[in-house]
């Protein structure tokens, strides 16, 4: 009798484990590929003029526009200004200011999303010769609504990379493509 109860409890626990482990694995393959492509990588060369074609690459579900916003503005602007309900399970209140979310929208509903980091940990930045990184926050600065988000129609969701502009202590413009590139609409 005890053996039977043990098997039932074991089966129930295994079932719960399988169900809970599958919860976060519902991203379509096309998003997983794009997410991998735009995540920061150490010691890979940044290419000025590289094309990131979300219009054609994200083709495994229906979407009509892309909203890009900093994660720290997510709740306030997505729900209040844009009227979007977010399917996020995590609290991103303490996200880094450079973390961006790409929301794929269909008929004003979030179909899928990508959380995108534009930087690596400080130790990697200081010790490695090249860091491949894309800064999607530049889209918000260049095309956004009051600096908090940008909404891009699918047909225009093709981006090109260009060097970040820095200023030295004298105000002179300098660039260093070894450590990341800005992204703009092509």
Protein backbone atom coordinates (compact mmCIF):
# COMPACT_ATOMS: atom_id res chain seq x y z
CA UNK A 1 0.00 0.00 0.00
CA UNK A 2 2.78 2.42 0.85
CA UNK A 3 4.57 1.55 -2.37
CA UNK A 4 1.46 2.44 -4.36
CA UNK A 5 1.14 5.82 -2.60
CA UNK A 6 4.83 6.50 -3.18
CA UNK A 7 4.44 5.80 -6.91
CA UNK A 8 1.41 8.09 -7.13
CA UNK A 9 3.21 10.91 -5.34
CA UNK A 10 6.34 10.36 -7.44
CA UNK A 11 4.27 10.42 -10.66
CA UNK A 12 2.47 13.59 -9.54
CA UNK A 13 5.74 15.35 -8.69
CA UNK A 14 7.31 14.32 -12.01
CA UNK A 15 4.26 15.58 -13.88
CA UNK A 16 4.38 18.92 -12.08
CA UNK A 17 8.11 19.24 -12.81
CA UNK A 18 7.58 18.57 -16.53
CA UNK A 19 4.70 21.04 -16.74
CA UNK A 20 6.55 23.78 -14.88
CA UNK A 21 9.76 23.29 -16.87
CA UNK A 22 7.89 23.64 -20.17
CA UNK A 23 6.21 26.91 -19.15
CA UNK A 24 9.01 29.16 -20.40
CA UNK A 25 9.73 27.18 -23.56
CA UNK A 26 7.01 28.56 -25.79
CA UNK A 27 9.14 30.92 -27.86
CA UNK A 28 9.00 30.15 -31.57
CA UNK A 29 12.24 29.10 -33.26
CA UNK A 30 12.50 32.31 -35.29
CA UNK A 31 12.53 34.36 -32.06
CA UNK A 32 15.13 32.12 -30.46
CA UNK A 33 17.40 32.67 -33.48
CA UNK A 34 16.97 36.45 -33.39
CA UNK A 35 17.40 36.54 -29.62
CA UNK A 36 20.69 34.66 -29.97
CA UNK A 37 21.84 36.95 -32.78
CA UNK A 38 21.23 40.19 -30.87
CA UNK A 39 22.56 39.05 -27.49
CA UNK A 40 26.01 40.38 -26.49
CA UNK A 41 28.96 38.13 -27.31
CA UNK A 42 32.56 38.40 -26.25
CA UNK A 43 35.33 38.43 -28.87
CA UNK A 44 33.15 38.63 -31.97
CA UNK A 45 33.59 41.47 -34.41
CA UNK A 46 30.95 44.18 -34.76
CA UNK A 47 30.23 45.02 -38.37
CA UNK A 48 29.25 48.57 -39.27
CA UNK A 49 26.40 48.41 -41.78
CA UNK A 50 25.21 44.95 -40.68
CA UNK A 51 21.54 44.34 -41.47
CA UNK A 52 19.17 42.99 -38.82
CA UNK A 53 16.03 42.10 -40.75
CA UNK A 54 13.23 41.40 -38.29
CA UNK A 55 10.61 41.95 -41.01
CA UNK A 56 11.62 38.73 -42.79
CA UNK A 57 13.43 36.81 -40.03
CA UNK A 58 10.57 36.82 -37.53
CA UNK A 59 8.23 34.82 -39.71
CA UNK A 60 6.91 31.99 -37.53
CA UNK A 61 3.92 33.90 -36.10
CA UNK A 62 1.74 36.83 -37.15
CA UNK A 63 2.72 40.36 -36.13
CA UNK A 64 2.12 43.81 -37.60
CA UNK A 65 4.36 46.13 -35.56
CA UNK A 66 7.33 46.17 -33.23
CA UNK A 67 7.46 48.23 -30.06
CA UNK A 68 10.90 48.83 -28.56
CA UNK A 69 11.21 50.29 -25.07
CA UNK A 70 13.53 50.22 -22.10
CA UNK A 71 12.48 47.53 -19.64
CA UNK A 72 12.41 50.07 -16.81
CA UNK A 73 9.57 51.92 -18.62
CA UNK A 74 7.68 48.74 -19.41
CA UNK A 75 4.78 48.73 -16.99
CA UNK A 76 4.08 52.45 -16.97
CA UNK A 77 4.12 53.05 -20.71
CA UNK A 78 2.93 49.73 -22.09
CA UNK A 79 -0.21 49.53 -20.02
CA UNK A 80 -1.09 53.20 -19.55
CA UNK A 81 -0.09 54.84 -22.83
CA UNK A 82 -0.19 51.96 -25.28
CA UNK A 83 -3.01 49.97 -23.71
CA UNK A 84 -1.07 46.71 -23.92
CA UNK A 85 -1.44 43.87 -21.46
CA UNK A 86 1.92 42.22 -20.92
CA UNK A 87 2.36 38.46 -20.69
CA UNK A 88 5.50 38.82 -18.57
CA UNK A 89 5.97 36.69 -15.49
CA UNK A 90 8.98 38.58 -14.11
CA UNK A 91 9.23 41.88 -12.29
CA UNK A 92 11.65 44.04 -14.29
CA UNK A 93 11.49 47.02 -11.95
CA UNK A 94 15.21 46.68 -11.16
CA UNK A 95 16.39 46.05 -14.72
CA UNK A 96 19.48 47.85 -15.99
CA UNK A 97 18.72 51.04 -17.91
CA UNK A 98 20.27 49.60 -21.07
CA UNK A 99 18.03 46.51 -21.11
CA UNK A 100 15.45 46.75 -23.86
CA UNK A 101 12.30 44.80 -24.66
CA UNK A 102 11.15 44.15 -28.20
CA UNK A 103 7.38 43.55 -28.25
CA UNK A 104 5.92 41.93 -31.37
CA UNK A 105 2.35 43.22 -31.71
CA UNK A 106 -0.65 41.99 -33.69
CA UNK A 107 -3.91 43.99 -33.49
CA UNK A 108 -2.66 45.78 -30.34
CA UNK A 109 -1.94 42.49 -28.53
CA UNK A 110 1.53 41.29 -27.52
CA UNK A 111 2.20 38.09 -29.47
CA UNK A 112 5.79 37.52 -28.32
CA UNK A 113 8.69 39.50 -26.91
CA UNK A 114 12.47 39.47 -26.61
CA UNK A 115 14.44 40.89 -23.71
CA UNK A 116 17.60 42.36 -25.17
CA UNK A 117 20.80 43.26 -23.33
CA UNK A 118 23.12 45.76 -24.99
CA UNK A 119 26.11 45.20 -22.75
CA UNK A 120 28.11 42.53 -21.01
CA UNK A 121 29.40 42.49 -17.44
CA UNK A 122 31.99 45.13 -16.64
CA UNK A 123 34.79 42.59 -16.18
CA UNK A 124 34.31 41.23 -19.70
CA UNK A 125 34.22 44.76 -21.10
CA UNK A 126 37.54 45.58 -19.48
CA UNK A 127 39.35 42.33 -20.27
CA UNK A 128 38.22 41.25 -23.75
CA UNK A 129 39.37 42.72 -27.02
CA UNK A 130 35.97 42.80 -28.74
CA UNK A 131 32.37 42.63 -27.60
CA UNK A 132 29.68 42.16 -30.20
CA UNK A 133 26.71 44.16 -28.96
CA UNK A 134 23.75 45.99 -30.45
CA UNK A 135 22.16 49.01 -28.80
CA UNK A 136 18.42 49.05 -29.60
CA UNK A 137 17.90 52.01 -27.24
CA UNK A 138 19.13 54.23 -30.06
CA UNK A 139 15.90 53.44 -31.91
CA UNK A 140 13.98 55.10 -29.10
CA UNK A 141 16.26 58.14 -29.10
CA UNK A 142 16.02 58.52 -32.88
CA UNK A 143 12.40 57.57 -33.60
CA UNK A 144 10.68 57.36 -30.24
CA UNK A 145 7.79 58.96 -28.50
CA UNK A 146 9.20 61.22 -25.78
CA UNK A 147 12.17 58.90 -25.38
CA UNK A 148 10.22 56.03 -23.80
CA UNK A 149 9.23 53.77 -26.69
CA UNK A 150 9.10 53.51 -30.45
CA UNK A 151 6.49 51.72 -32.54
CA UNK A 152 7.73 50.50 -35.92
CA UNK A 153 5.48 48.93 -38.56
CA UNK A 154 6.58 45.44 -39.62
CA UNK A 155 7.43 46.57 -43.16
CA UNK A 156 10.00 49.01 -41.71
CA UNK A 157 11.50 46.59 -39.15
CA UNK A 158 14.81 46.28 -40.99
CA UNK A 159 17.74 47.78 -39.12
CA UNK A 160 21.32 48.70 -39.89
CA UNK A 161 24.21 49.08 -37.44
CA UNK A 162 26.39 52.16 -37.10
CA UNK A 163 29.12 53.21 -34.64
CA UNK A 164 28.21 54.62 -31.26
CA UNK A 165 29.43 58.16 -30.82
CA UNK A 166 31.25 58.93 -27.58
CA UNK A 167 32.78 62.18 -26.39
CA UNK A 168 36.15 62.43 -24.73
CA UNK A 169 36.86 64.76 -21.78
CA UNK A 170 37.38 67.65 -24.23
CA UNK A 171 34.05 67.06 -25.97
CA UNK A 172 35.63 65.59 -29.12
CA UNK A 173 33.56 62.90 -30.83
CA UNK A 174 35.12 59.45 -30.86
CA UNK A 175 33.86 55.98 -31.74
CA UNK A 176 34.92 52.50 -30.73
CA UNK A 177 33.08 49.85 -32.79
CA UNK A 178 34.92 47.10 -30.87
CA UNK A 179 32.46 47.56 -28.00
CA UNK A 180 29.08 47.86 -29.69
CA UNK A 181 27.00 49.46 -32.38
CA UNK A 182 23.84 51.53 -32.45
CA UNK A 183 20.88 50.31 -34.50
CA UNK A 184 18.69 52.47 -36.74
CA UNK A 185 15.89 51.85 -39.23
CA UNK A 186 17.42 51.15 -42.63
